[in-house]
Amino acid sequence: MAIGITVTKGAKDDVVSKFFGAPAVPSEWENDFGEEIIFFCQIKLSEIAKLDTEKRLPHTGWLYVFLDTSEYPYKPIVRISKTKPDMVIDDFNMIFEQFEPLNEPWSIKFSEAADKGEGIKLFGEPNVWNSEESPAKLFMQFDPQASDMPFLKDAGGLAYLFYNEDITEQTMFIQNS
């Protein structure tokens, strides 16, 4: 079963599951990110514990996805922390002008979802797959056309994050529709 993601603009707190905005991270990560890195999302793992019946992720702590923009498609950097975030990095995505709108946070709510379908989701199957090769395991489908979120809307396609055995070893694939 996939885990559906619904997004709403704004976040009341920095220490919530969200896309974009200011990442709330462990303070020991303060100097871990270069100028080519953008913050994509953070997920409070306890919020998906009941929905992750296959135990694909830890059910405590935080999962973070950053994107290395030095190559295209962007290379995902996935990190998991067992501790509660104690530092917020303001204006994380302000380094490049084109990423400035990504400083607005988008709150995430999780729900049950069909394995195959459009929208933003964790796990399941890619909604559209135009390759003869079977994809690796889907971690996240980011379908901006099926949400109110503006990121990648102009790309006219979907972004997929895939993983092999280790959830922190991911690749990103952009598929034009």
C-alpha atoms as a PDB file:
ATOM      1  CA  MET A   1       0.000   0.000   0.000  1.00  0.00           C
ATOM      2  CA  ALA A   2       1.201   3.500  -0.848  1.00  0.00           C
ATOM      3  CA  ILE A   3       1.088   6.439   1.539  1.00  0.00           C
ATOM      4  CA  GLY A   4      -0.710   9.428   0.076  1.00  0.00           C
ATOM      5  CA  ILE A   5       0.552  12.963   0.678  1.00  0.00           C
ATOM      6  CA  THR A   6      -1.694  16.007   0.734  1.00  0.00           C
ATOM      7  CA  VAL A   7      -0.037  19.416   0.905  1.00  0.00           C
ATOM      8  CA  THR A   8      -1.340  22.748   2.114  1.00  0.00           C
ATOM      9  CA  LYS A   9       0.432  26.063   1.887  1.00  0.00           C
ATOM     10  CA  GLY A  10       2.058  27.232   5.071  1.00  0.00           C
ATOM     11  CA  ALA A  11       3.198  25.478   8.189  1.00  0.00           C
ATOM     12  CA  LYS A  12       2.393  26.600  11.719  1.00  0.00           C
ATOM     13  CA  ASP A  13       5.667  25.266  13.040  1.00  0.00           C
ATOM     14  CA  ASP A  14       9.108  24.509  11.624  1.00  0.00           C
ATOM     15  CA  VAL A  15       9.224  21.096  13.328  1.00  0.00           C
ATOM     16  CA  VAL A  16       6.520  19.400  11.218  1.00  0.00           C
ATOM     17  CA  SER A  17       6.392  17.202   8.134  1.00  0.00           C
ATOM     18  CA  LYS A  18       6.687  19.583   5.197  1.00  0.00           C
ATOM     19  CA  PHE A  19       8.031  20.338   1.766  1.00  0.00           C
ATOM     20  CA  PHE A  20      10.353  23.325   1.408  1.00  0.00           C
ATOM     21  CA  GLY A  21      10.532  26.262   3.804  1.00  0.00           C
ATOM     22  CA  ALA A  22      13.221  26.255   6.492  1.00  0.00           C
ATOM     23  CA  PRO A  23      14.497  22.793   7.432  1.00  0.00           C
ATOM     24  CA  ALA A  24      14.498  21.953  11.136  1.00  0.00           C
ATOM     25  CA  VAL A  25      17.548  19.705  11.604  1.00  0.00           C
ATOM     26  CA  PRO A  26      19.845  18.420  14.345  1.00  0.00           C
ATOM     27  CA  SER A  27      22.344  21.176  15.203  1.00  0.00           C
ATOM     28  CA  GLU A  28      25.277  18.886  14.368  1.00  0.00           C
ATOM     29  CA  TRP A  29      24.235  19.165  10.686  1.00  0.00           C
ATOM     30  CA  GLU A  30      24.675  22.967  10.652  1.00  0.00           C
ATOM     31  CA  ASN A  31      27.670  22.981   8.282  1.00  0.00           C
ATOM     32  CA  ASP A  32      26.846  19.857   6.242  1.00  0.00           C
ATOM     33  CA  PHE A  33      25.272  21.539   3.213  1.00  0.00           C
ATOM     34  CA  GLY A  34      26.955  23.327   0.329  1.00  0.00           C
ATOM     35  CA  GLU A  35      25.543  26.097  -1.832  1.00  0.00           C
ATOM     36  CA  GLU A  36      24.314  23.658  -4.476  1.00  0.00           C
ATOM     37  CA  ILE A  37      21.976  21.859  -2.039  1.00  0.00           C
ATOM     38  CA  ILE A  38      18.269  22.683  -1.724  1.00  0.00           C
ATOM     39  CA  PHE A  39      15.884  21.489   0.972  1.00  0.00           C
ATOM     40  CA  PHE A  40      13.069  19.350  -0.461  1.00  0.00           C
ATOM     41  CA  CYS A  41      11.204  17.842   2.504  1.00  0.00           C
ATOM     42  CA  GLN A  42      11.260  16.556   6.061  1.00  0.00           C
ATOM     43  CA  ILE A  43       9.039  13.773   7.363  1.00  0.00           C
ATOM     44  CA  LYS A  44       8.277  13.025  11.002  1.00  0.00           C
ATOM     45  CA  LEU A  45       8.414   9.238  10.803  1.00  0.00           C
ATOM     46  CA  SER A  46       5.948   8.628  13.653  1.00  0.00           C
ATOM     47  CA  GLU A  47       3.279  10.269  11.447  1.00  0.00           C
ATOM     48  CA  ILE A  48       3.507   7.465   8.888  1.00  0.00           C
ATOM     49  CA  ALA A  49       4.074   4.543  11.276  1.00  0.00           C
ATOM     50  CA  LYS A  50       0.475   3.254  11.089  1.00  0.00           C
ATOM     51  CA  LEU A  51       0.438   3.600   7.291  1.00  0.00           C
ATOM     52  CA  ASP A  52       3.818   1.907   6.731  1.00  0.00           C
ATOM     53  CA  THR A  53       2.586  -1.617   7.443  1.00  0.00           C
ATOM     54  CA  GLU A  54       5.516  -3.144   5.542  1.00  0.00           C
ATOM     55  CA  LYS A  55       7.998  -1.341   7.842  1.00  0.00           C
ATOM     56  CA  ARG A  56       9.979   0.145   4.962  1.00  0.00           C
ATOM     57  CA  LEU A  57      11.063   3.053   7.150  1.00  0.00           C
ATOM     58  CA  PRO A  58      11.929   3.489  10.810  1.00  0.00           C
ATOM     59  CA  HIS A  59       8.861   4.598  12.765  1.00  0.00           C
ATOM     60  CA  THR A  60      10.659   7.121  14.966  1.00  0.00           C
ATOM     61  CA  GLY A  61      12.859  10.078  14.171  1.00  0.00           C
ATOM     62  CA  TRP A  62      12.959  12.225  11.057  1.00  0.00           C
ATOM     63  CA  LEU A  63      13.644  11.611   7.383  1.00  0.00           C
ATOM     64  CA  TYR A  64      15.026  14.466   5.254  1.00  0.00           C
ATOM     65  CA  VAL A  65      15.394  14.829   1.507  1.00  0.00           C
ATOM     66  CA  PHE A  66      17.771  17.422   0.090  1.00  0.00           C
ATOM     67  CA  LEU A  67      18.584  17.798  -3.612  1.00  0.00           C
ATOM     68  CA  ASP A  68      22.046  18.361  -5.041  1.00  0.00           C
ATOM     69  CA  THR A  69      21.473  20.763  -7.945  1.00  0.00           C
ATOM     70  CA  SER A  70      25.009  20.474  -9.325  1.00  0.00           C
ATOM     71  CA  GLU A  71      23.795  17.865 -11.835  1.00  0.00           C
ATOM     72  CA  TYR A  72      20.516  17.094 -13.573  1.00  0.00           C
ATOM     73  CA  PRO A  73      18.419  15.260 -12.720  1.00  0.00           C
ATOM     74  CA  TYR A  74      19.116  16.447  -9.187  1.00  0.00           C
ATOM     75  CA  LYS A  75      20.740  13.913  -6.912  1.00  0.00           C
ATOM     76  CA  PRO A  76      18.702  13.203  -3.766  1.00  0.00           C
ATOM     77  CA  ILE A  77      20.475  13.270  -0.441  1.00  0.00           C
ATOM     78  CA  VAL A  78      18.413  11.356   2.106  1.00  0.00           C
ATOM     79  CA  ARG A  79      19.254  11.500   5.783  1.00  0.00           C
ATOM     80  CA  ILE A  80      17.545   9.995   8.797  1.00  0.00           C
ATOM     81  CA  SER A  81      17.918  11.366  12.316  1.00  0.00           C
ATOM     82  CA  LYS A  82      16.728   9.647  15.463  1.00  0.00           C
ATOM     83  CA  THR A  83      16.762  12.886  17.436  1.00  0.00           C
ATOM     84  CA  LYS A  84      14.258  15.747  17.458  1.00  0.00           C
ATOM     85  CA  PRO A  85      15.463  18.700  15.377  1.00  0.00           C
ATOM     86  CA  ASP A  86      16.884  21.500  17.507  1.00  0.00           C
ATOM     87  CA  MET A  87      17.953  24.036  14.865  1.00  0.00           C
ATOM     88  CA  VAL A  88      16.156  25.775  11.996  1.00  0.00           C
ATOM     89  CA  ILE A  89      18.149  26.906   8.948  1.00  0.00           C
ATOM     90  CA  ASP A  90      16.316  29.975   7.662  1.00  0.00           C
ATOM     91  CA  ASP A  91      16.459  30.937   3.970  1.00  0.00           C
ATOM     92  CA  PHE A  92      18.015  27.581   3.067  1.00  0.00           C
ATOM     93  CA  ASN A  93      16.829  27.735  -0.563  1.00  0.00           C
ATOM     94  CA  MET A  94      17.650  31.433  -1.090  1.00  0.00           C
ATOM     95  CA  ILE A  95      21.118  30.786  -2.548  1.00  0.00           C
ATOM     96  CA  PHE A  96      19.799  30.612  -6.114  1.00  0.00           C
ATOM     97  CA  GLU A  97      17.128  33.021  -7.301  1.00  0.00           C
ATOM     98  CA  GLN A  98      15.142  30.287  -9.042  1.00  0.00           C
ATOM     99  CA  PHE A  99      14.743  28.445  -5.723  1.00  0.00           C
ATOM    100  CA  GLU A 100      13.637  31.485  -3.686  1.00  0.00           C
ATOM    101  CA  PRO A 101       9.912  30.492  -3.859  1.00  0.00           C
ATOM    102  CA  LEU A 102      10.886  27.227  -2.154  1.00  0.00           C
ATOM    103  CA  ASN A 103      11.301  29.106   1.124  1.00  0.00           C
ATOM    104  CA  GLU A 104       7.528  28.944   1.550  1.00  0.00           C
ATOM    105  CA  PRO A 105       6.650  25.846   3.592  1.00  0.00           C
ATOM    106  CA  TRP A 106       3.968  23.358   2.504  1.00  0.00           C
ATOM    107  CA  SER A 107       2.552  21.204   5.325  1.00  0.00           C
ATOM    108  CA  ILE A 108       2.207  17.483   4.699  1.00  0.00           C
ATOM    109  CA  LYS A 109      -0.673  15.236   5.763  1.00  0.00           C
ATOM    110  CA  PHE A 110      -0.487  11.471   5.216  1.00  0.00           C
ATOM    111  CA  SER A 111      -3.231   8.994   4.323  1.00  0.00           C
ATOM    112  CA  GLU A 112      -3.767   5.589   2.737  1.00  0.00           C
ATOM    113  CA  ALA A 113      -3.383   5.613  -1.052  1.00  0.00           C
ATOM    114  CA  ALA A 114      -3.642   3.206  -3.956  1.00  0.00           C
ATOM    115  CA  ASP A 115      -0.350   1.725  -5.126  1.00  0.00           C
ATOM    116  CA  LYS A 116      -0.837   3.141  -8.604  1.00  0.00           C
ATOM    117  CA  GLY A 117      -2.239   6.598  -9.181  1.00  0.00           C
ATOM    118  CA  GLU A 118      -1.420  10.249  -9.605  1.00  0.00           C
ATOM    119  CA  GLY A 119      -0.497  12.738  -6.927  1.00  0.00           C
ATOM    120  CA  ILE A 120       2.228  12.912  -4.343  1.00  0.00           C
ATOM    121  CA  LYS A 121       2.865   9.690  -2.469  1.00  0.00           C
ATOM    122  CA  LEU A 122       5.397   7.467  -0.773  1.00  0.00           C
ATOM    123  CA  PHE A 123       5.927   3.956  -2.143  1.00  0.00           C
ATOM    124  CA  GLY A 124       3.560   2.174  -4.525  1.00  0.00           C
ATOM    125  CA  GLU A 125       4.129   2.224  -8.284  1.00  0.00           C
ATOM    126  CA  PRO A 126       4.949   5.109 -10.617  1.00  0.00           C
ATOM    127  CA  ASN A 127       1.801   6.640 -12.089  1.00  0.00           C
ATOM    128  CA  VAL A 128       3.333   7.014 -15.549  1.00  0.00           C
ATOM    129  CA  TRP A 129       6.318   4.992 -16.612  1.00  0.00           C
ATOM    130  CA  ASN A 130       7.511   5.384 -20.221  1.00  0.00           C
ATOM    131  CA  SER A 131      10.560   3.155 -20.016  1.00  0.00           C
ATOM    132  CA  GLU A 132      10.850  -0.506 -20.960  1.00  0.00           C
ATOM    133  CA  GLU A 133      12.999  -1.090 -17.889  1.00  0.00           C
ATOM    134  CA  SER A 134      11.230  -1.796 -14.623  1.00  0.00           C
ATOM    135  CA  PRO A 135      11.945   0.970 -12.149  1.00  0.00           C
ATOM    136  CA  ALA A 136      13.713   0.415  -8.850  1.00  0.00           C
ATOM    137  CA  LYS A 137      11.570   0.657  -5.722  1.00  0.00           C
ATOM    138  CA  LEU A 138       9.583   3.882  -5.611  1.00  0.00           C
ATOM    139  CA  PHE A 139      10.204   5.993  -2.534  1.00  0.00           C
ATOM    140  CA  MET A 140       8.325   9.117  -3.609  1.00  0.00           C
ATOM    141  CA  GLN A 141       6.247  10.212  -6.541  1.00  0.00           C
ATOM    142  CA  PHE A 142       6.082  13.994  -6.839  1.00  0.00           C
ATOM    143  CA  ASP A 143       3.321  14.917  -9.264  1.00  0.00           C
ATOM    144  CA  PRO A 144       2.943  18.721  -9.164  1.00  0.00           C
ATOM    145  CA  GLN A 145       0.150  18.674 -11.755  1.00  0.00           C
ATOM    146  CA  ALA A 146      -2.050  16.841  -9.230  1.00  0.00           C
ATOM    147  CA  SER A 147      -1.414  19.294  -6.376  1.00  0.00           C
ATOM    148  CA  ASP A 148      -1.501  23.004  -5.622  1.00  0.00           C
ATOM    149  CA  MET A 149       2.257  23.089  -5.118  1.00  0.00           C
ATOM    150  CA  PRO A 150       4.118  25.160  -7.739  1.00  0.00           C
ATOM    151  CA  PHE A 151       7.490  23.359  -7.670  1.00  0.00           C
ATOM    152  CA  LEU A 152       8.186  21.578 -11.001  1.00  0.00           C
ATOM    153  CA  LYS A 153       4.779  22.570 -12.436  1.00  0.00           C
ATOM    154  CA  ASP A 154       6.556  24.117 -15.418  1.00  0.00           C
ATOM    155  CA  ALA A 155       8.496  20.927 -16.024  1.00  0.00           C
ATOM    156  CA  GLY A 156       5.353  19.297 -17.377  1.00  0.00           C
ATOM    157  CA  GLY A 157       6.148  15.968 -15.816  1.00  0.00           C
ATOM    158  CA  LEU A 158       6.695  13.974 -12.676  1.00  0.00           C
ATOM    159  CA  ALA A 159       9.633  13.537 -10.372  1.00  0.00           C
ATOM    160  CA  TYR A 160      10.286  10.093  -8.963  1.00  0.00           C
ATOM    161  CA  LEU A 161      12.707   9.191  -6.187  1.00  0.00           C
ATOM    162  CA  PHE A 162      13.747   5.543  -6.272  1.00  0.00           C
ATOM    163  CA  TYR A 163      15.806   3.472  -3.857  1.00  0.00           C
ATOM    164  CA  ASN A 164      17.515   0.110  -3.784  1.00  0.00           C
ATOM    165  CA  GLU A 165      17.867  -1.807  -0.520  1.00  0.00           C
ATOM    166  CA  ASP A 166      18.955   1.191   1.575  1.00  0.00           C
ATOM    167  CA  ILE A 167      16.346   3.960   1.693  1.00  0.00           C
ATOM    168  CA  THR A 168      19.129   6.552   1.959  1.00  0.00           C
ATOM    169  CA  GLU A 169      20.599   5.472  -1.409  1.00  0.00           C
ATOM    170  CA  GLN A 170      18.268   7.175  -3.856  1.00  0.00           C
ATOM    171  CA  THR A 171      18.158   8.376  -7.421  1.00  0.00           C
ATOM    172  CA  MET A 172      15.832  10.951  -8.943  1.00  0.00           C
ATOM    173  CA  PHE A 173      14.170  10.588 -12.301  1.00  0.00           C
ATOM    174  CA  ILE A 174      12.224  13.346 -14.058  1.00  0.00           C
ATOM    175  CA  GLN A 175       9.716  12.052 -16.586  1.00  0.00           C
ATOM    176  CA  ASN A 176       8.081  14.458 -19.009  1.00  0.00           C
ATOM    177  CA  SER A 177       4.422  13.814 -19.642  1.00  0.00           C
END
